[in-house]
């Protein structure tokens, strides 16, 4: 599910699939909590068998420019 401050935007069912032989798959995700001025990001790298080769996550404080605030506001308002 995709969430915003205004509620659920989409309930798309997505299923992860193995990459082809000899290829790794890199999945990333990120989130923002504007009221706490925090951002989070995570990365998982898996091989052709689905085994995790590397994974990491990061929590950081946000310093938002006016342009980025505008973009986030538009996304959250579905405009």
C-alpha atoms as a PDB file:
ATOM      1  CA  UNK A   1       0.000   0.000   0.000  1.00  0.00           C
ATOM      2  CA  UNK A   2       1.070   3.543  -0.641  1.00  0.00           C
ATOM      3  CA  UNK A   3       0.289   5.922   2.208  1.00  0.00           C
ATOM      4  CA  UNK A   4       0.289   9.697   2.558  1.00  0.00           C
ATOM      5  CA  UNK A   5      -0.713  12.009   5.361  1.00  0.00           C
ATOM      6  CA  UNK A   6      -4.182  12.015   3.787  1.00  0.00           C
ATOM      7  CA  UNK A   7      -4.642   8.233   3.866  1.00  0.00           C
ATOM      8  CA  UNK A   8      -4.149   5.337   1.486  1.00  0.00           C
ATOM      9  CA  UNK A   9      -3.546   6.391  -2.105  1.00  0.00           C
ATOM     10  CA  UNK A  10      -3.275   2.984  -3.720  1.00  0.00           C
ATOM     11  CA  UNK A  11      -3.802  -0.644  -2.753  1.00  0.00           C
ATOM     12  CA  UNK A  12      -1.716  -2.199  -5.525  1.00  0.00           C
ATOM     13  CA  UNK A  13      -0.721  -5.822  -4.957  1.00  0.00           C
ATOM     14  CA  UNK A  14       2.925  -6.259  -5.952  1.00  0.00           C
ATOM     15  CA  UNK A  15       4.868  -9.494  -5.613  1.00  0.00           C
ATOM     16  CA  UNK A  16       8.658  -9.597  -5.559  1.00  0.00           C
ATOM     17  CA  UNK A  17      10.275 -11.906  -8.112  1.00  0.00           C
ATOM     18  CA  UNK A  18      13.753 -13.391  -8.394  1.00  0.00           C
ATOM     19  CA  UNK A  19      16.169 -11.721 -10.808  1.00  0.00           C
ATOM     20  CA  UNK A  20      17.495 -13.707 -13.780  1.00  0.00           C
ATOM     21  CA  UNK A  21      20.531 -15.975 -13.288  1.00  0.00           C
ATOM     22  CA  UNK A  22      23.756 -14.006 -12.906  1.00  0.00           C
ATOM     23  CA  UNK A  23      21.919 -10.790 -12.006  1.00  0.00           C
ATOM     24  CA  UNK A  24      21.341  -9.107  -8.642  1.00  0.00           C
ATOM     25  CA  UNK A  25      18.198  -7.164  -7.821  1.00  0.00           C
ATOM     26  CA  UNK A  26      18.386  -3.929  -5.833  1.00  0.00           C
ATOM     27  CA  UNK A  27      15.220  -2.781  -4.058  1.00  0.00           C
ATOM     28  CA  UNK A  28      14.981   0.625  -2.395  1.00  0.00           C
ATOM     29  CA  UNK A  29      12.341   2.421  -0.371  1.00  0.00           C
ATOM     30  CA  UNK A  30      12.158   5.756   1.402  1.00  0.00           C
ATOM     31  CA  UNK A  31       9.797   7.636   3.654  1.00  0.00           C
ATOM     32  CA  UNK A  32       9.450  11.091   5.126  1.00  0.00           C
ATOM     33  CA  UNK A  33       7.961  12.398   8.353  1.00  0.00           C
ATOM     34  CA  UNK A  34       7.737  16.112   7.734  1.00  0.00           C
ATOM     35  CA  UNK A  35       6.340  16.885  11.187  1.00  0.00           C
ATOM     36  CA  UNK A  36       9.447  15.277  12.746  1.00  0.00           C
ATOM     37  CA  UNK A  37      11.776  16.461   9.953  1.00  0.00           C
ATOM     38  CA  UNK A  38      13.051  12.911   9.441  1.00  0.00           C
ATOM     39  CA  UNK A  39      13.693  10.789   6.377  1.00  0.00           C
ATOM     40  CA  UNK A  40      14.331   7.056   6.192  1.00  0.00           C
ATOM     41  CA  UNK A  41      15.707   4.940   3.389  1.00  0.00           C
ATOM     42  CA  UNK A  42      16.437   1.259   2.966  1.00  0.00           C
ATOM     43  CA  UNK A  43      18.221  -0.869   0.381  1.00  0.00           C
ATOM     44  CA  UNK A  44      18.245  -4.657  -0.092  1.00  0.00           C
ATOM     45  CA  UNK A  45      20.414  -6.446  -2.668  1.00  0.00           C
ATOM     46  CA  UNK A  46      19.491 -10.066  -3.500  1.00  0.00           C
ATOM     47  CA  UNK A  47      20.988 -12.651  -5.809  1.00  0.00           C
ATOM     48  CA  UNK A  48      19.258 -14.996  -8.273  1.00  0.00           C
ATOM     49  CA  UNK A  49      18.284 -17.327  -5.383  1.00  0.00           C
ATOM     50  CA  UNK A  50      16.718 -14.549  -3.324  1.00  0.00           C
ATOM     51  CA  UNK A  51      19.593 -14.594  -0.824  1.00  0.00           C
ATOM     52  CA  UNK A  52      20.355 -11.210   0.728  1.00  0.00           C
ATOM     53  CA  UNK A  53      23.833 -10.058  -0.276  1.00  0.00           C
ATOM     54  CA  UNK A  54      23.666  -6.634   1.375  1.00  0.00           C
ATOM     55  CA  UNK A  55      21.080  -4.573   3.206  1.00  0.00           C
ATOM     56  CA  UNK A  56      21.189  -1.204   4.903  1.00  0.00           C
ATOM     57  CA  UNK A  57      18.931   1.495   6.237  1.00  0.00           C
ATOM     58  CA  UNK A  58      19.407   5.108   7.229  1.00  0.00           C
ATOM     59  CA  UNK A  59      17.466   7.599   9.309  1.00  0.00           C
ATOM     60  CA  UNK A  60      18.406  11.234   8.879  1.00  0.00           C
ATOM     61  CA  UNK A  61      17.077  14.687   9.641  1.00  0.00           C
ATOM     62  CA  UNK A  62      15.658  16.710   6.770  1.00  0.00           C
ATOM     63  CA  UNK A  63      16.637  20.172   5.689  1.00  0.00           C
ATOM     64  CA  UNK A  64      14.009  21.031   3.101  1.00  0.00           C
ATOM     65  CA  UNK A  65      14.316  23.717   0.480  1.00  0.00           C
ATOM     66  CA  UNK A  66      11.252  25.629  -0.626  1.00  0.00           C
ATOM     67  CA  UNK A  67      11.100  23.690  -3.914  1.00  0.00           C
ATOM     68  CA  UNK A  68      11.106  20.310  -2.179  1.00  0.00           C
ATOM     69  CA  UNK A  69       8.401  21.410   0.256  1.00  0.00           C
ATOM     70  CA  UNK A  70       6.260  22.410  -2.732  1.00  0.00           C
ATOM     71  CA  UNK A  71       6.748  19.021  -4.436  1.00  0.00           C
ATOM     72  CA  UNK A  72       5.914  17.058  -1.266  1.00  0.00           C
ATOM     73  CA  UNK A  73       2.821  19.184  -0.641  1.00  0.00           C
ATOM     74  CA  UNK A  74       1.612  18.555  -4.215  1.00  0.00           C
ATOM     75  CA  UNK A  75       2.160  14.795  -3.898  1.00  0.00           C
ATOM     76  CA  UNK A  76       0.278  14.627  -0.607  1.00  0.00           C
ATOM     77  CA  UNK A  77      -2.623  16.638  -2.033  1.00  0.00           C
ATOM     78  CA  UNK A  78      -2.784  14.453  -5.190  1.00  0.00           C
ATOM     79  CA  UNK A  79      -2.349  17.482  -7.443  1.00  0.00           C
END
